[in-house]
PDB file of N, CA and C in Angstrom:
ATOM      1  N   MET A   1      89.491  94.809 122.753  1.00  0.00           N
ATOM      2  CA  MET A   1      89.687  95.383 121.445  1.00  0.00           C
ATOM      3  C   MET A   1      90.882  94.744 120.740  1.00  0.00           C
ATOM      4  N   LEU A   2      91.996  94.664 121.436  1.00  0.00           N
ATOM      5  CA  LEU A   2      93.193  94.055 120.856  1.00  0.00           C
ATOM      6  C   LEU A   2      92.998  92.554 120.637  1.00  0.00           C
ATOM      7  N   THR A   3      92.234  91.926 121.522  1.00  0.00           N
ATOM      8  CA  THR A   3      91.946  90.498 121.377  1.00  0.00           C
ATOM      9  C   THR A   3      91.131  90.237 120.121  1.00  0.00           C
ATOM     10  N   ASP A   4      90.197  91.121 119.808  1.00  0.00           N
ATOM     11  CA  ASP A   4      89.399  90.985 118.588  1.00  0.00           C
ATOM     12  C   ASP A   4      90.280  91.065 117.351  1.00  0.00           C
ATOM     13  N   ILE A   5      91.235  91.994 117.362  1.00  0.00           N
ATOM     14  CA  ILE A   5      92.152  92.151 116.229  1.00  0.00           C
ATOM     15  C   ILE A   5      93.009  90.901 116.077  1.00  0.00           C
ATOM     16  N   LYS A   6      93.503  90.359 117.198  1.00  0.00           N
ATOM     17  CA  LYS A   6      94.309  89.134 117.148  1.00  0.00           C
ATOM     18  C   LYS A   6      93.507  87.988 116.540  1.00  0.00           C
ATOM     19  N   ASN A   7      92.257  87.868 116.926  1.00  0.00           N
ATOM     20  CA  ASN A   7      91.411  86.794 116.406  1.00  0.00           C
ATOM     21  C   ASN A   7      91.155  86.966 114.916  1.00  0.00           C
ATOM     22  N   LYS A   8      90.939  88.191 114.468  1.00  0.00           N
ATOM     23  CA  LYS A   8      90.691  88.440 113.045  1.00  0.00           C
ATOM     24  C   LYS A   8      91.935  88.139 112.205  1.00  0.00           C
ATOM     25  N   ILE A   9      93.104  88.527 112.705  1.00  0.00           N
ATOM     26  CA  ILE A   9      94.352  88.233 111.992  1.00  0.00           C
ATOM     27  C   ILE A   9      94.594  86.726 111.969  1.00  0.00           C
ATOM     28  N   ASN A  10      94.318  86.065 113.077  1.00  0.00           N
ATOM     29  CA  ASN A  10      94.497  84.618 113.137  1.00  0.00           C
ATOM     30  C   ASN A  10      93.565  83.918 112.143  1.00  0.00           C
ATOM     31  N   ALA A  11      92.379  84.454 111.922  1.00  0.00           N
ATOM     32  CA  ALA A  11      91.443  83.885 110.959  1.00  0.00           C
ATOM     33  C   ALA A  11      91.944  84.072 109.520  1.00  0.00           C
ATOM     34  N   LEU A  12      92.767  85.108 109.294  1.00  0.00           N
ATOM     35  CA  LEU A  12      93.319  85.369 107.964  1.00  0.00           C
ATOM     36  C   LEU A  12      94.597  84.593 107.680  1.00  0.00           C
ATOM     37  N   LYS A  13      95.060  83.829 108.636  1.00  0.00           N
ATOM     38  CA  LYS A  13      96.319  83.091 108.508  1.00  0.00           C
ATOM     39  C   LYS A  13      96.268  82.170 107.288  1.00  0.00           C
ATOM     40  N   GLY A  14      97.264  82.326 106.402  1.00  0.00           N
ATOM     41  CA  GLY A  14      97.345  81.521 105.195  1.00  0.00           C
ATOM     42  C   GLY A  14      96.571  82.083 104.017  1.00  0.00           C
ATOM     43  N   LYS A  15      95.884  83.200 104.219  1.00  0.00           N
ATOM     44  CA  LYS A  15      95.093  83.803 103.145  1.00  0.00           C
ATOM     45  C   LYS A  15      95.819  85.008 102.561  1.00  0.00           C
ATOM     46  N   LYS A  16      95.552  85.287 101.298  1.00  0.00           N
ATOM     47  CA  LYS A  16      96.149  86.445 100.617  1.00  0.00           C
ATOM     48  C   LYS A  16      95.407  87.712 101.037  1.00  0.00           C
ATOM     49  N   ILE A  17      96.177  88.731 101.420  1.00  0.00           N
ATOM     50  CA  ILE A  17      95.600  90.021 101.772  1.00  0.00           C
ATOM     51  C   ILE A  17      96.458  91.138 101.185  1.00  0.00           C
ATOM     52  N   LYS A  18      95.898  92.322 101.196  1.00  0.00           N
ATOM     53  CA  LYS A  18      96.626  93.519 100.781  1.00  0.00           C
ATOM     54  C   LYS A  18      96.536  94.494 101.952  1.00  0.00           C
ATOM     55  N   ILE A  19      97.675  95.099 102.306  1.00  0.00           N
ATOM     56  CA  ILE A  19      97.666  96.056 103.408  1.00  0.00           C
ATOM     57  C   ILE A  19      98.270  97.379 102.963  1.00  0.00           C
ATOM     58  N   LEU A  20      97.786  98.428 103.573  1.00  0.00           N
ATOM     59  CA  LEU A  20      98.290  99.773 103.356  1.00  0.00           C
ATOM     60  C   LEU A  20      98.951 100.208 104.656  1.00  0.00           C
ATOM     61  N   VAL A  21     100.241 100.543 104.588  1.00  0.00           N
ATOM     62  CA  VAL A  21     101.016 100.901 105.772  1.00  0.00           C
ATOM     63  C   VAL A  21     101.392 102.367 105.699  1.00  0.00           C
ATOM     64  N   ASP A  22     101.015 103.118 106.727  1.00  0.00           N
ATOM     65  CA  ASP A  22     101.371 104.531 106.821  1.00  0.00           C
ATOM     66  C   ASP A  22     102.780 104.620 107.397  1.00  0.00           C
ATOM     67  N   VAL A  23     103.732 105.155 106.601  1.00  0.00           N
ATOM     68  CA  VAL A  23     105.122 105.241 107.045  1.00  0.00           C
ATOM     69  C   VAL A  23     105.506 106.659 107.478  1.00  0.00           C
ATOM     70  N   GLY A  24     104.534 107.542 107.562  1.00  0.00           N
ATOM     71  CA  GLY A  24     104.781 108.887 108.060  1.00  0.00           C
ATOM     72  C   GLY A  24     105.015 109.902 106.964  1.00  0.00           C
ATOM     73  N   ARG A  25     104.880 111.183 107.325  1.00  0.00           N
ATOM     74  CA  ARG A  25     105.091 112.295 106.402  1.00  0.00           C
ATOM     75  C   ARG A  25     104.288 112.145 105.110  1.00  0.00           C
ATOM     76  N   ASN A  26     103.018 111.790 105.268  1.00  0.00           N
ATOM     77  CA  ASN A  26     102.088 111.629 104.142  1.00  0.00           C
ATOM     78  C   ASN A  26     102.559 110.598 103.118  1.00  0.00           C
ATOM     79  N   LYS A  27     103.271 109.595 103.577  1.00  0.00           N
ATOM     80  CA  LYS A  27     103.727 108.520 102.703  1.00  0.00           C
ATOM     81  C   LYS A  27     103.126 107.201 103.171  1.00  0.00           C
ATOM     82  N   SER A  28     102.841 106.344 102.213  1.00  0.00           N
ATOM     83  CA  SER A  28     102.324 105.027 102.557  1.00  0.00           C
ATOM     84  C   SER A  28     102.872 103.998 101.578  1.00  0.00           C
ATOM     85  N   GLU A  29     102.877 102.757 102.026  1.00  0.00           N
ATOM     86  CA  GLU A  29     103.347 101.647 101.205  1.00  0.00           C
ATOM     87  C   GLU A  29     102.266 100.583 101.179  1.00  0.00           C
ATOM     88  N   VAL A  30     102.150  99.895 100.050  1.00  0.00           N
ATOM     89  CA  VAL A  30     101.171  98.824  99.898  1.00  0.00           C
ATOM     90  C   VAL A  30     101.921  97.505  99.765  1.00  0.00           C
ATOM     91  N   TYR A  31     101.512  96.530 100.548  1.00  0.00           N
ATOM     92  CA  TYR A  31     102.089  95.194 100.479  1.00  0.00           C
ATOM     93  C   TYR A  31     100.984  94.195 100.192  1.00  0.00           C
ATOM     94  N   GLU A  32     101.324  93.182  99.405  1.00  0.00           N
ATOM     95  CA  GLU A  32     100.384  92.124  99.088  1.00  0.00           C
ATOM     96  C   GLU A  32     101.066  90.799  99.391  1.00  0.00           C
ATOM     97  N   GLY A  33     100.386  89.941 100.114  1.00  0.00           N
ATOM     98  CA  GLY A  33     100.957  88.658 100.465  1.00  0.00           C
ATOM     99  C   GLY A  33     100.010  87.868 101.328  1.00  0.00           C
ATOM    100  N   GLU A  34     100.550  86.882 102.027  1.00  0.00           N
ATOM    101  CA  GLU A  34      99.703  86.069 102.888  1.00  0.00           C
ATOM    102  C   GLU A  34     100.195  86.133 104.327  1.00  0.00           C
ATOM    103  N   VAL A  35      99.248  86.039 105.247  1.00  0.00           N
ATOM    104  CA  VAL A  35      99.587  86.055 106.663  1.00  0.00           C
ATOM    105  C   VAL A  35     100.315  84.757 106.971  1.00  0.00           C
ATOM    106  N   LEU A  36     101.556  84.893 107.409  1.00  0.00           N
ATOM    107  CA  LEU A  36     102.414  83.725 107.619  1.00  0.00           C
ATOM    108  C   LEU A  36     102.196  83.123 109.002  1.00  0.00           C
ATOM    109  N   ASN A  37     102.400  83.915 110.040  1.00  0.00           N
ATOM    110  CA  ASN A  37     102.251  83.447 111.421  1.00  0.00           C
ATOM    111  C   ASN A  37     101.678  84.540 112.297  1.00  0.00           C
ATOM    112  N   THR A  38     101.093  84.123 113.408  1.00  0.00           N
ATOM    113  CA  THR A  38     100.642  85.066 114.422  1.00  0.00           C
ATOM    114  C   THR A  38     101.330  84.693 115.725  1.00  0.00           C
ATOM    115  N   TYR A  39     101.831  85.696 116.399  1.00  0.00           N
ATOM    116  CA  TYR A  39     102.520  85.508 117.667  1.00  0.00           C
ATOM    117  C   TYR A  39     101.820  86.327 118.736  1.00  0.00           C
ATOM    118  N   LYS A  40     102.390  86.353 119.926  1.00  0.00           N
ATOM    119  CA  LYS A  40     101.763  87.045 121.048  1.00  0.00           C
ATOM    120  C   LYS A  40     101.583  88.541 120.773  1.00  0.00           C
ATOM    121  N   ASN A  41     102.618  89.207 120.263  1.00  0.00           N
ATOM    122  CA  ASN A  41     102.555  90.651 120.068  1.00  0.00           C
ATOM    123  C   ASN A  41     102.643  91.103 118.619  1.00  0.00           C
ATOM    124  N   ILE A  42     103.040  90.212 117.710  1.00  0.00           N
ATOM    125  CA  ILE A  42     103.192  90.597 116.307  1.00  0.00           C
ATOM    126  C   ILE A  42     102.587  89.540 115.393  1.00  0.00           C
ATOM    127  N   TRP A  43     102.430  89.912 114.131  1.00  0.00           N
ATOM    128  CA  TRP A  43     102.041  88.963 113.086  1.00  0.00           C
ATOM    129  C   TRP A  43     102.900  89.237 111.871  1.00  0.00           C
ATOM    130  N   THR A  44     103.110  88.224 111.049  1.00  0.00           N
ATOM    131  CA  THR A  44     104.018  88.355 109.913  1.00  0.00           C
ATOM    132  C   THR A  44     103.258  88.180 108.602  1.00  0.00           C
ATOM    133  N   LEU A  45     103.734  88.921 107.588  1.00  0.00           N
ATOM    134  CA  LEU A  45     103.167  88.878 106.251  1.00  0.00           C
ATOM    135  C   LEU A  45     104.261  88.482 105.284  1.00  0.00           C
ATOM    136  N   LYS A  46     104.040  87.416 104.520  1.00  0.00           N
ATOM    137  CA  LYS A  46     105.030  86.953 103.540  1.00  0.00           C
ATOM    138  C   LYS A  46     104.669  87.536 102.180  1.00  0.00           C
ATOM    139  N   THR A  47     105.535  88.414 101.677  1.00  0.00           N
ATOM    140  CA  THR A  47     105.350  88.987 100.346  1.00  0.00           C
ATOM    141  C   THR A  47     106.190  88.181  99.364  1.00  0.00           C
ATOM    142  N   LEU A  48     106.214  88.594  98.118  1.00  0.00           N
ATOM    143  CA  LEU A  48     107.014  87.872  97.124  1.00  0.00           C
ATOM    144  C   LEU A  48     108.502  87.937  97.415  1.00  0.00           C
ATOM    145  N   THR A  49     108.957  89.056  98.000  1.00  0.00           N
ATOM    146  CA  THR A  49     110.392  89.249  98.189  1.00  0.00           C
ATOM    147  C   THR A  49     110.889  89.022  99.612  1.00  0.00           C
ATOM    148  N   ASP A  50     110.066  89.288 100.625  1.00  0.00           N
ATOM    149  CA  ASP A  50     110.527  89.135 101.995  1.00  0.00           C
ATOM    150  C   ASP A  50     109.370  88.937 102.959  1.00  0.00           C
ATOM    151  N   VAL A  51     109.686  88.937 104.252  1.00  0.00           N
ATOM    152  CA  VAL A  51     108.690  88.775 105.304  1.00  0.00           C
ATOM    153  C   VAL A  51     108.657  90.057 106.131  1.00  0.00           C
ATOM    154  N   LYS A  52     107.473  90.624 106.290  1.00  0.00           N
ATOM    155  CA  LYS A  52     107.288  91.848 107.077  1.00  0.00           C
ATOM    156  C   LYS A  52     106.561  91.488 108.364  1.00  0.00           C
ATOM    157  N   SER A  53     106.848  92.212 109.431  1.00  0.00           N
ATOM    158  CA  SER A  53     106.148  91.968 110.685  1.00  0.00           C
ATOM    159  C   SER A  53     105.486  93.254 111.155  1.00  0.00           C
ATOM    160  N   PHE A  54     104.322  93.089 111.768  1.00  0.00           N
ATOM    161  CA  PHE A  54     103.529  94.213 112.245  1.00  0.00           C
ATOM    162  C   PHE A  54     102.946  93.866 113.602  1.00  0.00           C
ATOM    163  N   GLY A  55     102.696  94.889 114.392  1.00  0.00           N
ATOM    164  CA  GLY A  55     102.054  94.695 115.682  1.00  0.00           C
ATOM    165  C   GLY A  55     100.547  94.809 115.546  1.00  0.00           C
ATOM    166  N   TYR A  56      99.839  94.204 116.486  1.00  0.00           N
ATOM    167  CA  TYR A  56      98.380  94.292 116.477  1.00  0.00           C
ATOM    168  C   TYR A  56      97.920  95.715 116.755  1.00  0.00           C
ATOM    169  N   ALA A  57      98.687  96.446 117.545  1.00  0.00           N
ATOM    170  CA  ALA A  57      98.344  97.828 117.862  1.00  0.00           C
ATOM    171  C   ALA A  57      98.424  98.728 116.634  1.00  0.00           C
ATOM    172  N   ASP A  58      99.232  98.339 115.635  1.00  0.00           N
ATOM    173  CA  ASP A  58      99.315  99.112 114.394  1.00  0.00           C
ATOM    174  C   ASP A  58      97.954  99.177 113.697  1.00  0.00           C
ATOM    175  N   ILE A  59      97.189  98.100 113.798  1.00  0.00           N
ATOM    176  CA  ILE A  59      95.855  98.084 113.206  1.00  0.00           C
ATOM    177  C   ILE A  59      94.919  98.943 114.043  1.00  0.00           C
ATOM    178  N   LEU A  60      95.078  98.882 115.346  1.00  0.00           N
ATOM    179  CA  LEU A  60      94.226  99.639 116.260  1.00  0.00           C
ATOM    180  C   LEU A  60      94.362 101.146 116.046  1.00  0.00           C
ATOM    181  N   ILE A  61      95.578 101.622 115.778  1.00  0.00           N
ATOM    182  CA  ILE A  61      95.799 103.063 115.588  1.00  0.00           C
ATOM    183  C   ILE A  61      95.822 103.477 114.127  1.00  0.00           C
ATOM    184  N   ASN A  62      95.383 102.556 113.241  1.00  0.00           N
ATOM    185  CA  ASN A  62      95.254 102.811 111.805  1.00  0.00           C
ATOM    186  C   ASN A  62      96.570 103.104 111.099  1.00  0.00           C
ATOM    187  N   THR A  63      97.678 102.596 111.612  1.00  0.00           N
ATOM    188  CA  THR A  63      98.944 102.663 110.888  1.00  0.00           C
ATOM    189  C   THR A  63      98.956 101.611 109.791  1.00  0.00           C
ATOM    190  N   VAL A  64      98.265 100.499 110.044  1.00  0.00           N
ATOM    191  CA  VAL A  64      98.121  99.411 109.070  1.00  0.00           C
ATOM    192  C   VAL A  64      96.632  99.222 108.805  1.00  0.00           C
ATOM    193  N   VAL A  65      96.264  99.236 107.515  1.00  0.00           N
ATOM    194  CA  VAL A  65      94.879  99.012 107.131  1.00  0.00           C
ATOM    195  C   VAL A  65      94.841  97.787 106.218  1.00  0.00           C
ATOM    196  N   ILE A  66      94.003  96.822 106.577  1.00  0.00           N
ATOM    197  CA  ILE A  66      93.916  95.575 105.832  1.00  0.00           C
ATOM    198  C   ILE A  66      92.730  95.612 104.868  1.00  0.00           C
ATOM    199  N   SER A  67      92.982  95.190 103.618  1.00  0.00           N
ATOM    200  CA  SER A  67      91.900  94.983 102.673  1.00  0.00           C
ATOM    201  C   SER A  67      92.123  93.636 102.006  1.00  0.00           C
ATOM    202  N   SER A  68      91.125  92.806 102.018  1.00  0.00           N
ATOM    203  CA  SER A  68      91.277  91.444 101.484  1.00  0.00           C
ATOM    204  C   SER A  68      91.222  91.424  99.985  1.00  0.00           C
TER     205      SER A  68
END
């Protein structure tokens, strides 16, 4: 399951995506940018202002939702 997520994120590398991040207490944040790099346990998203990093498990537990 986690391997499938890693492969899908790796396929999105260099492409523009939009993600919805659940930050708790019924709050969420939306980021738009491109997948910068994929590593063993995390992947990075380059937005206009900074670089954010997320774990693959965040997608598995629906903390991060990707929409292209």
